[in-house]
Structure formats: structure tokens, C-alpha cells
């Protein structure tokens, strides 16, 4: 699962935006571990976007656990790519 969030500027976003992503990532790591559905693997900032990566054997189960936190972030437009083998599904947040 790869979550994409548009930030306010074309660079790395501002400090507050990055901090919100870091806090959300910590929460996602905890709920993912607790549910046993995979792991949150990190993030990237650049080009006016924040991207958060998470992996697990079932993309839908992983998204179900992470969806509340992902939707709580205020950055829009935003979307998630769910990978199922060779196919990919986009979910707009």
C-alpha cells in the first residue's frame, strides 16, 4: 500500500506538515503491528508530496486498519494505491 498526500508547497512541505506525517506514521506502525497485518516501511517527501509505504500479505486488510489514520490527515488531494499481485487499485481519500 502506498499513500500519496499533496503538500502546500512544491518542495518538502513545511515543518508542521512533515511532523503531522511523522506522527501519523507512528500511529500507523502501532496499529499495523497490533493487528498483525503487515508493516509500515517509511516515507518520502519531495515534489510537493508526502508518500507513506506499508506492506503486508493482504492489501485490503492492511488498508482497513490504516484507513482511519490516513483519512484523518488534512492534506488533499490524497490517494492510496493498493497492490494485489500484478494489479493495482486506487482509492481516493
Protein backbone atom coordinates (compact mmCIF):
# COMPACT_ATOMS: atom_id res chain seq x y z
CA UNK A 1 0.00 0.00 0.00
CA UNK A 2 1.34 3.39 -0.98
CA UNK A 3 -0.35 6.56 0.29
CA UNK A 4 0.19 9.87 -1.52
CA UNK A 5 -0.59 13.27 0.03
CA UNK A 6 -0.25 16.68 -1.69
CA UNK A 7 1.55 19.22 0.48
CA UNK A 8 1.27 23.02 0.47
CA UNK A 9 4.46 23.73 -1.46
CA UNK A 10 6.36 22.13 -4.32
CA UNK A 11 9.27 21.11 -2.11
CA UNK A 12 9.20 19.02 1.04
CA UNK A 13 6.21 20.72 2.67
CA UNK A 14 6.56 22.80 5.79
CA UNK A 15 7.78 21.60 9.17
CA UNK A 16 4.24 21.25 10.58
CA UNK A 17 3.15 19.12 7.62
CA UNK A 18 6.13 16.80 7.95
CA UNK A 19 5.52 16.50 11.70
CA UNK A 20 1.87 15.50 11.09
CA UNK A 21 3.01 12.80 8.66
CA UNK A 22 5.61 11.50 11.16
CA UNK A 23 3.02 11.37 13.95
CA UNK A 24 0.51 9.57 11.71
CA UNK A 25 3.20 7.13 10.63
CA UNK A 26 3.98 6.25 14.26
CA UNK A 27 0.30 5.59 14.90
CA UNK A 28 0.05 3.50 11.73
CA UNK A 29 3.07 1.46 12.80
CA UNK A 30 1.43 0.71 16.15
CA UNK A 31 -1.99 -0.29 14.76
CA UNK A 32 -0.44 -2.36 11.98
CA UNK A 33 1.70 -4.28 14.45
CA UNK A 34 -1.21 -4.74 16.84
CA UNK A 35 -3.46 -6.09 14.06
CA UNK A 36 -0.68 -8.27 12.62
CA UNK A 37 -1.46 -7.24 9.04
CA UNK A 38 1.96 -6.05 7.88
CA UNK A 39 4.35 -3.21 8.49
CA UNK A 40 4.77 0.48 7.76
CA UNK A 41 8.03 0.82 5.87
CA UNK A 42 8.72 4.55 5.83
CA UNK A 43 8.03 7.73 3.92
CA UNK A 44 9.35 10.11 1.30
CA UNK A 45 8.96 13.86 0.94
CA UNK A 46 9.58 15.84 -2.23
CA UNK A 47 7.99 17.44 -5.22
CA UNK A 48 5.20 18.82 -3.04
CA UNK A 49 4.16 15.37 -1.91
CA UNK A 50 4.43 13.05 1.07
CA UNK A 51 4.36 9.31 0.40
CA UNK A 52 3.95 6.62 3.08
CA UNK A 53 4.72 2.97 2.34
CA UNK A 54 3.20 -0.06 4.05
CA UNK A 55 3.42 -3.74 3.15
CA UNK A 56 1.56 -6.89 4.11
CA UNK A 57 0.18 -10.11 2.67
CA UNK A 58 -3.33 -8.64 2.18
CA UNK A 59 -3.52 -5.05 0.89
CA UNK A 60 -7.22 -4.76 1.71
CA UNK A 61 -6.74 -5.88 5.33
CA UNK A 62 -3.80 -3.50 5.68
CA UNK A 63 -5.81 -0.59 4.28
CA UNK A 64 -8.76 -1.38 6.55
CA UNK A 65 -6.51 -0.98 9.60
CA UNK A 66 -4.76 2.15 8.31
CA UNK A 67 -7.72 3.89 6.66
CA UNK A 68 -8.89 5.91 9.71
CA UNK A 69 -5.44 7.40 10.23
CA UNK A 70 -4.91 8.04 6.52
CA UNK A 71 -8.27 9.81 6.22
CA UNK A 72 -7.55 11.89 9.34
CA UNK A 73 -4.64 13.66 7.63
CA UNK A 74 -5.81 17.00 6.16
CA UNK A 75 -3.64 17.03 3.05
CA UNK A 76 -5.56 16.86 -0.22
CA UNK A 77 -5.69 15.70 -2.87
CA UNK A 78 -4.68 12.32 -1.49
CA UNK A 79 -4.94 8.74 -2.64
CA UNK A 80 -3.80 5.23 -1.80
CA UNK A 81 -2.56 2.58 -4.21
CA UNK A 82 -3.42 -0.95 -3.16
CA UNK A 83 -1.36 -3.59 -4.90
CA UNK A 84 -2.79 -7.05 -5.43
CA UNK A 85 -0.12 -9.08 -7.19
CA UNK A 86 0.26 -7.54 -10.64
CA UNK A 87 -2.80 -5.29 -10.38
CA UNK A 88 -3.29 -2.02 -8.57
CA UNK A 89 -6.38 -0.26 -7.19
CA UNK A 90 -6.53 3.46 -6.49
CA UNK A 91 -8.61 4.72 -3.56
CA UNK A 92 -9.11 8.48 -3.26
CA UNK A 93 -9.05 9.80 0.29
